[in-house]
C-alpha atoms as a PDB file:
ATOM      1  CA  MET A   1      19.929  -7.424 -39.584  1.00  0.00           C
ATOM      2  CA  ASN A   2      23.188  -5.565 -39.184  1.00  0.00           C
ATOM      3  CA  SER A   3      22.457  -4.782 -35.535  1.00  0.00           C
ATOM      4  CA  LEU A   4      21.683  -8.453 -34.862  1.00  0.00           C
ATOM      5  CA  ARG A   5      25.060  -9.441 -36.307  1.00  0.00           C
ATOM      6  CA  ASN A   6      26.839  -6.837 -34.107  1.00  0.00           C
ATOM      7  CA  TRP A   7      25.018  -8.072 -31.020  1.00  0.00           C
ATOM      8  CA  VAL A   8      25.976 -11.734 -31.687  1.00  0.00           C
ATOM      9  CA  SER A   9      29.586 -10.703 -32.342  1.00  0.00           C
ATOM     10  CA  ARG A  10      29.775  -8.707 -29.068  1.00  0.00           C
ATOM     11  CA  SER A  11      28.305 -11.540 -27.013  1.00  0.00           C
ATOM     12  CA  ARG A  12      30.891 -13.995 -28.367  1.00  0.00           C
ATOM     13  CA  GLU A  13      33.744 -11.631 -27.399  1.00  0.00           C
ATOM     14  CA  GLN A  14      32.320 -11.189 -23.929  1.00  0.00           C
ATOM     15  CA  SER A  15      31.878 -14.919 -23.349  1.00  0.00           C
ATOM     16  CA  GLY A  16      35.518 -15.483 -24.273  1.00  0.00           C
ATOM     17  CA  GLN A  17      36.584 -12.744 -21.884  1.00  0.00           C
ATOM     18  CA  ALA A  18      34.484 -14.264 -19.091  1.00  0.00           C
ATOM     19  CA  LEU A  19      36.067 -17.653 -19.724  1.00  0.00           C
ATOM     20  CA  ILE A  20      39.588 -16.203 -19.429  1.00  0.00           C
ATOM     21  CA  GLU A  21      38.671 -14.347 -16.215  1.00  0.00           C
ATOM     22  CA  PHE A  22      37.091 -17.493 -14.796  1.00  0.00           C
ATOM     23  CA  MET A  23      40.260 -19.485 -15.535  1.00  0.00           C
ATOM     24  CA  PHE A  24      42.420 -16.973 -13.639  1.00  0.00           C
ATOM     25  CA  VAL A  25      40.093 -16.925 -10.644  1.00  0.00           C
ATOM     26  CA  ALA A  26      39.644 -20.715 -10.651  1.00  0.00           C
ATOM     27  CA  PHE A  27      43.421 -21.198 -10.794  1.00  0.00           C
ATOM     28  CA  ILE A  28      43.943 -18.960  -7.743  1.00  0.00           C
ATOM     29  CA  LEU A  29      41.079 -20.602  -5.849  1.00  0.00           C
ATOM     30  CA  LEU A  30      42.486 -24.043  -6.624  1.00  0.00           C
ATOM     31  CA  PHE A  31      45.890 -23.061  -5.217  1.00  0.00           C
ATOM     32  CA  MET A  32      44.219 -21.692  -2.090  1.00  0.00           C
ATOM     33  CA  LEU A  33      42.108 -24.839  -1.679  1.00  0.00           C
ATOM     34  CA  PHE A  34      45.102 -27.188  -1.954  1.00  0.00           C
ATOM     35  CA  GLY A  35      47.093 -24.999   0.426  1.00  0.00           C
ATOM     36  CA  MET A  36      44.293 -25.101   2.970  1.00  0.00           C
ATOM     37  CA  ILE A  37      44.033 -28.880   2.668  1.00  0.00           C
ATOM     38  CA  ASP A  38      47.731 -29.386   3.468  1.00  0.00           C
ATOM     39  CA  PHE A  39      47.774 -26.774   6.213  1.00  0.00           C
ATOM     40  CA  CYS A  40      44.694 -28.250   7.916  1.00  0.00           C
ATOM     41  CA  ARG A  41      46.114 -31.767   7.673  1.00  0.00           C
ATOM     42  CA  ALA A  42      49.347 -30.557   9.312  1.00  0.00           C
ATOM     43  CA  ILE A  43      47.402 -28.919  12.147  1.00  0.00           C
ATOM     44  CA  SER A  44      45.362 -32.092  12.635  1.00  0.00           C
ATOM     45  CA  THR A  45      48.515 -34.234  12.690  1.00  0.00           C
ATOM     46  CA  ARG A  46      50.116 -31.884  15.216  1.00  0.00           C
ATOM     47  CA  GLN A  47      47.061 -32.140  17.489  1.00  0.00           C
ATOM     48  CA  VAL A  48      47.173 -35.942  17.321  1.00  0.00           C
ATOM     49  CA  LEU A  49      50.869 -35.825  18.313  1.00  0.00           C
ATOM     50  CA  ILE A  50      50.079 -33.609  21.302  1.00  0.00           C
ATOM     51  CA  ASN A  51      47.418 -36.045  22.480  1.00  0.00           C
ATOM     52  CA  LEU A  52      49.686 -39.066  21.925  1.00  0.00           C
ATOM     53  CA  SER A  53      52.581 -37.596  23.908  1.00  0.00           C
ATOM     54  CA  ARG A  54      50.314 -36.680  26.831  1.00  0.00           C
ATOM     55  CA  GLU A  55      48.720 -40.116  26.839  1.00  0.00           C
ATOM     56  CA  GLY A  56      52.127 -41.836  26.699  1.00  0.00           C
ATOM     57  CA  ALA A  57      53.519 -39.937  29.679  1.00  0.00           C
ATOM     58  CA  ASN A  58      50.295 -40.444  31.623  1.00  0.00           C
ATOM     59  CA  LEU A  59      50.199 -44.204  30.960  1.00  0.00           C
ATOM     60  CA  ALA A  60      53.873 -44.610  31.879  1.00  0.00           C
ATOM     61  CA  ALA A  61      53.364 -42.702  35.135  1.00  0.00           C
ATOM     62  CA  ARG A  62      50.360 -44.868  36.061  1.00  0.00           C
ATOM     63  CA  GLY A  63      52.436 -47.983  35.406  1.00  0.00           C
ATOM     64  CA  THR A  64      50.860 -51.115  33.968  1.00  0.00           C
ATOM     65  CA  GLY A  65      53.567 -53.767  34.110  1.00  0.00           C
ATOM     66  CA  ASP A  66      55.873 -55.754  36.377  1.00  0.00           C
ATOM     67  CA  THR A  67      59.193 -54.109  35.506  1.00  0.00           C
ATOM     68  CA  PRO A  68      60.066 -50.518  34.559  1.00  0.00           C
ATOM     69  CA  ASN A  69      60.810 -51.644  30.986  1.00  0.00           C
ATOM     70  CA  ALA A  70      57.423 -53.418  30.788  1.00  0.00           C
ATOM     71  CA  VAL A  71      55.629 -50.319  32.088  1.00  0.00           C
ATOM     72  CA  ILE A  72      57.219 -48.101  29.446  1.00  0.00           C
ATOM     73  CA  SER A  73      56.815 -50.710  26.674  1.00  0.00           C
ATOM     74  CA  ASN A  74      53.105 -51.091  27.504  1.00  0.00           C
ATOM     75  CA  ALA A  75      52.658 -47.315  27.399  1.00  0.00           C
ATOM     76  CA  ILE A  76      54.420 -47.065  24.035  1.00  0.00           C
ATOM     77  CA  SER A  77      52.326 -49.930  22.623  1.00  0.00           C
ATOM     78  CA  ALA A  78      49.149 -48.142  23.717  1.00  0.00           C
ATOM     79  CA  VAL A  79      50.345 -44.879  22.155  1.00  0.00           C
ATOM     80  CA  ILE A  80      51.176 -46.531  18.831  1.00  0.00           C
ATOM     81  CA  ALA A  81      47.847 -48.392  18.836  1.00  0.00           C
ATOM     82  CA  GLY A  82      45.999 -45.118  19.546  1.00  0.00           C
ATOM     83  CA  ALA A  83      47.634 -43.243  16.666  1.00  0.00           C
ATOM     84  CA  ALA A  84      44.898 -44.398  14.275  1.00  0.00           C
ATOM     85  CA  PRO A  85      45.132 -41.779  11.508  1.00  0.00           C
ATOM     86  CA  LEU A  86      48.936 -41.753  11.675  1.00  0.00           C
ATOM     87  CA  ASN A  87      51.244 -44.590  10.645  1.00  0.00           C
ATOM     88  CA  MET A  88      53.731 -44.625  13.503  1.00  0.00           C
ATOM     89  CA  ALA A  89      55.279 -47.920  12.338  1.00  0.00           C
ATOM     90  CA  THR A  90      56.824 -46.257   9.279  1.00  0.00           C
ATOM     91  CA  ASN A  91      56.588 -42.466   9.755  1.00  0.00           C
ATOM     92  CA  GLY A  92      56.707 -42.049  13.520  1.00  0.00           C
ATOM     93  CA  LEU A  93      58.780 -42.638  16.620  1.00  0.00           C
ATOM     94  CA  VAL A  94      57.810 -42.753  20.296  1.00  0.00           C
ATOM     95  CA  ILE A  95      60.398 -42.361  23.061  1.00  0.00           C
ATOM     96  CA  ILE A  96      59.454 -42.637  26.723  1.00  0.00           C
ATOM     97  CA  THR A  97      62.144 -41.765  29.222  1.00  0.00           C
ATOM     98  CA  ALA A  98      62.108 -42.217  33.009  1.00  0.00           C
ATOM     99  CA  VAL A  99      63.961 -39.415  34.817  1.00  0.00           C
ATOM    100  CA  PHE A 100      64.771 -39.888  38.513  1.00  0.00           C
ATOM    101  CA  ASN A 101      65.424 -36.932  40.836  1.00  0.00           C
ATOM    102  CA  ASN A 102      68.227 -38.051  43.132  1.00  0.00           C
ATOM    103  CA  ASN A 103      68.235 -35.103  45.571  1.00  0.00           C
ATOM    104  CA  GLY A 104      68.474 -32.516  42.804  1.00  0.00           C
ATOM    105  CA  ALA A 105      70.572 -34.569  40.385  1.00  0.00           C
ATOM    106  CA  TYR A 106      68.427 -35.772  37.493  1.00  0.00           C
ATOM    107  CA  VAL A 107      69.383 -39.142  36.018  1.00  0.00           C
ATOM    108  CA  VAL A 108      67.845 -41.099  33.147  1.00  0.00           C
ATOM    109  CA  THR A 109      66.969 -44.507  34.605  1.00  0.00           C
ATOM    110  CA  ASN A 110      65.035 -45.989  31.673  1.00  0.00           C
ATOM    111  CA  GLN A 111      64.385 -45.229  28.046  1.00  0.00           C
ATOM    112  CA  VAL A 112      62.408 -47.215  25.465  1.00  0.00           C
ATOM    113  CA  ILE A 113      62.220 -46.274  21.779  1.00  0.00           C
ATOM    114  CA  GLU A 114      59.782 -47.698  19.213  1.00  0.00           C
ATOM    115  CA  GLY A 115      58.732 -46.665  15.728  1.00  0.00           C
ATOM    116  CA  GLY A 116      59.844 -46.459  12.133  1.00  0.00           C
ATOM    117  CA  LEU A 117      61.957 -43.281  12.143  1.00  0.00           C
ATOM    118  CA  SER A 118      65.591 -44.132  12.665  1.00  0.00           C
ATOM    119  CA  ASN A 119      67.134 -40.667  12.325  1.00  0.00           C
ATOM    120  CA  SER A 120      65.411 -39.076  15.364  1.00  0.00           C
ATOM    121  CA  VAL A 121      67.135 -38.850  18.729  1.00  0.00           C
ATOM    122  CA  SER A 122      65.569 -37.966  22.059  1.00  0.00           C
ATOM    123  CA  LYS A 123      65.763 -34.247  22.762  1.00  0.00           C
ATOM    124  CA  VAL A 124      65.361 -34.797  26.500  1.00  0.00           C
ATOM    125  CA  ALA A 125      67.925 -37.583  26.924  1.00  0.00           C
ATOM    126  CA  PRO A 126      70.053 -37.860  23.771  1.00  0.00           C
ATOM    127  CA  ASN A 127      72.799 -39.798  25.605  1.00  0.00           C
ATOM    128  CA  GLY A 128      70.465 -42.506  26.923  1.00  0.00           C
ATOM    129  CA  LEU A 129      70.610 -44.380  30.225  1.00  0.00           C
ATOM    130  CA  GLY A 130      72.606 -42.938  33.088  1.00  0.00           C
ATOM    131  CA  SER A 131      72.930 -39.521  31.466  1.00  0.00           C
ATOM    132  CA  THR A 132      71.747 -36.166  32.728  1.00  0.00           C
ATOM    133  CA  PRO A 133      68.639 -35.127  30.781  1.00  0.00           C
ATOM    134  CA  ASN A 134      68.146 -31.801  29.019  1.00  0.00           C
ATOM    135  CA  MET A 135      65.279 -30.629  31.183  1.00  0.00           C
ATOM    136  CA  PRO A 136      63.408 -27.469  30.187  1.00  0.00           C
ATOM    137  CA  ALA A 137      63.052 -24.847  32.897  1.00  0.00           C
ATOM    138  CA  THR A 138      59.306 -25.489  33.133  1.00  0.00           C
ATOM    139  CA  ALA A 139      59.799 -29.197  33.944  1.00  0.00           C
ATOM    140  CA  VAL A 140      62.560 -28.912  36.587  1.00  0.00           C
ATOM    141  CA  PRO A 141      60.333 -28.451  39.657  1.00  0.00           C
ATOM    142  CA  ILE A 142      57.989 -31.292  38.678  1.00  0.00           C
ATOM    143  CA  PRO A 143      59.835 -34.373  40.000  1.00  0.00           C
ATOM    144  CA  GLN A 144      60.397 -33.872  43.686  1.00  0.00           C
ATOM    145  CA  SER A 145      63.317 -35.438  45.481  1.00  0.00           C
ATOM    146  CA  ASN A 146      63.457 -39.250  45.112  1.00  0.00           C
ATOM    147  CA  GLN A 147      60.629 -39.310  42.567  1.00  0.00           C
ATOM    148  CA  THR A 148      60.521 -40.418  38.940  1.00  0.00           C
ATOM    149  CA  MET A 149      59.114 -38.342  36.109  1.00  0.00           C
ATOM    150  CA  PHE A 150      58.171 -39.826  32.739  1.00  0.00           C
ATOM    151  CA  VAL A 151      58.825 -37.931  29.518  1.00  0.00           C
ATOM    152  CA  SER A 152      57.019 -39.005  26.371  1.00  0.00           C
ATOM    153  CA  GLU A 153      58.378 -37.728  23.062  1.00  0.00           C
ATOM    154  CA  VAL A 154      56.602 -38.298  19.757  1.00  0.00           C
ATOM    155  CA  PHE A 155      58.241 -37.645  16.378  1.00  0.00           C
ATOM    156  CA  TYR A 156      56.390 -37.827  13.056  1.00  0.00           C
ATOM    157  CA  SER A 157      57.441 -37.319   9.463  1.00  0.00           C
ATOM    158  CA  TYR A 158      54.568 -35.398   7.844  1.00  0.00           C
ATOM    159  CA  LYS A 159      53.999 -35.765   4.131  1.00  0.00           C
ATOM    160  CA  PRO A 160      51.757 -33.227   2.322  1.00  0.00           C
ATOM    161  CA  ALA A 161      48.820 -34.633   0.365  1.00  0.00           C
ATOM    162  CA  THR A 162      49.072 -32.152  -2.505  1.00  0.00           C
ATOM    163  CA  PRO A 163      52.070 -30.943  -4.544  1.00  0.00           C
ATOM    164  CA  ILE A 164      51.156 -27.289  -4.045  1.00  0.00           C
ATOM    165  CA  GLY A 165      54.151 -26.583  -1.804  1.00  0.00           C
ATOM    166  CA  LYS A 166      56.591 -27.781  -4.442  1.00  0.00           C
ATOM    167  CA  LEU A 167      54.865 -25.771  -7.167  1.00  0.00           C
ATOM    168  CA  LEU A 168      55.031 -22.586  -5.103  1.00  0.00           C
ATOM    169  CA  ASN A 169      58.529 -23.386  -3.792  1.00  0.00           C
ATOM    170  CA  PHE A 170      57.144 -23.256  -0.233  1.00  0.00           C
ATOM    171  CA  ASN A 171      58.467 -25.871   2.140  1.00  0.00           C
ATOM    172  CA  MET A 172      56.585 -26.652   5.312  1.00  0.00           C
ATOM    173  CA  THR A 173      58.520 -28.535   7.935  1.00  0.00           C
ATOM    174  CA  ASN A 174      58.133 -32.283   7.597  1.00  0.00           C
ATOM    175  CA  ALA A 175      59.449 -33.168  11.052  1.00  0.00           C
ATOM    176  CA  LEU A 176      56.777 -32.761  13.726  1.00  0.00           C
ATOM    177  CA  TYR A 177      57.598 -33.230  17.416  1.00  0.00           C
ATOM    178  CA  ASP A 178      55.909 -33.019  20.785  1.00  0.00           C
ATOM    179  CA  ALA A 179      56.902 -33.927  24.343  1.00  0.00           C
ATOM    180  CA  ALA A 180      54.925 -34.306  27.556  1.00  0.00           C
ATOM    181  CA  PHE A 181      56.188 -34.533  31.133  1.00  0.00           C
ATOM    182  CA  PHE A 182      54.233 -36.414  33.785  1.00  0.00           C
END
């Protein structure tokens, strides 16, 4: 009888210990799961932005409209309509800029901006029409003399789905950006 009582007592102590160990492991796994969810959502959002910027520059270069402003506006409308998982009307901004190569002097001839973000400025042509664009070294040889190149820039304000970053005092960047030259 005494040995039965000792065995029951030991099993209760061990089950309590297992519960405490499980809580520690479950807590760590939960943090990892929430971190993976936010990180994967950010990667997915970034990939959508890459595709949107490429499509915007491609549509603007193909030109579907009567005037240069109509061509760029139609391209931006198509980009915003194709951003299905993202809400570009409130959290995004699309800028398409037309850059003309006038015998080696690059000039911004057109620029259309649409979207809900008001604090973002074009990184390629921050001064707007008639200005000299900030062209990266990889894009300079693309527009040949007397040709127009279209630059599509997409900004998005990413918001994490879980509060894990705040709990761990880890801040991922909320401003996502991509540009495509065509």
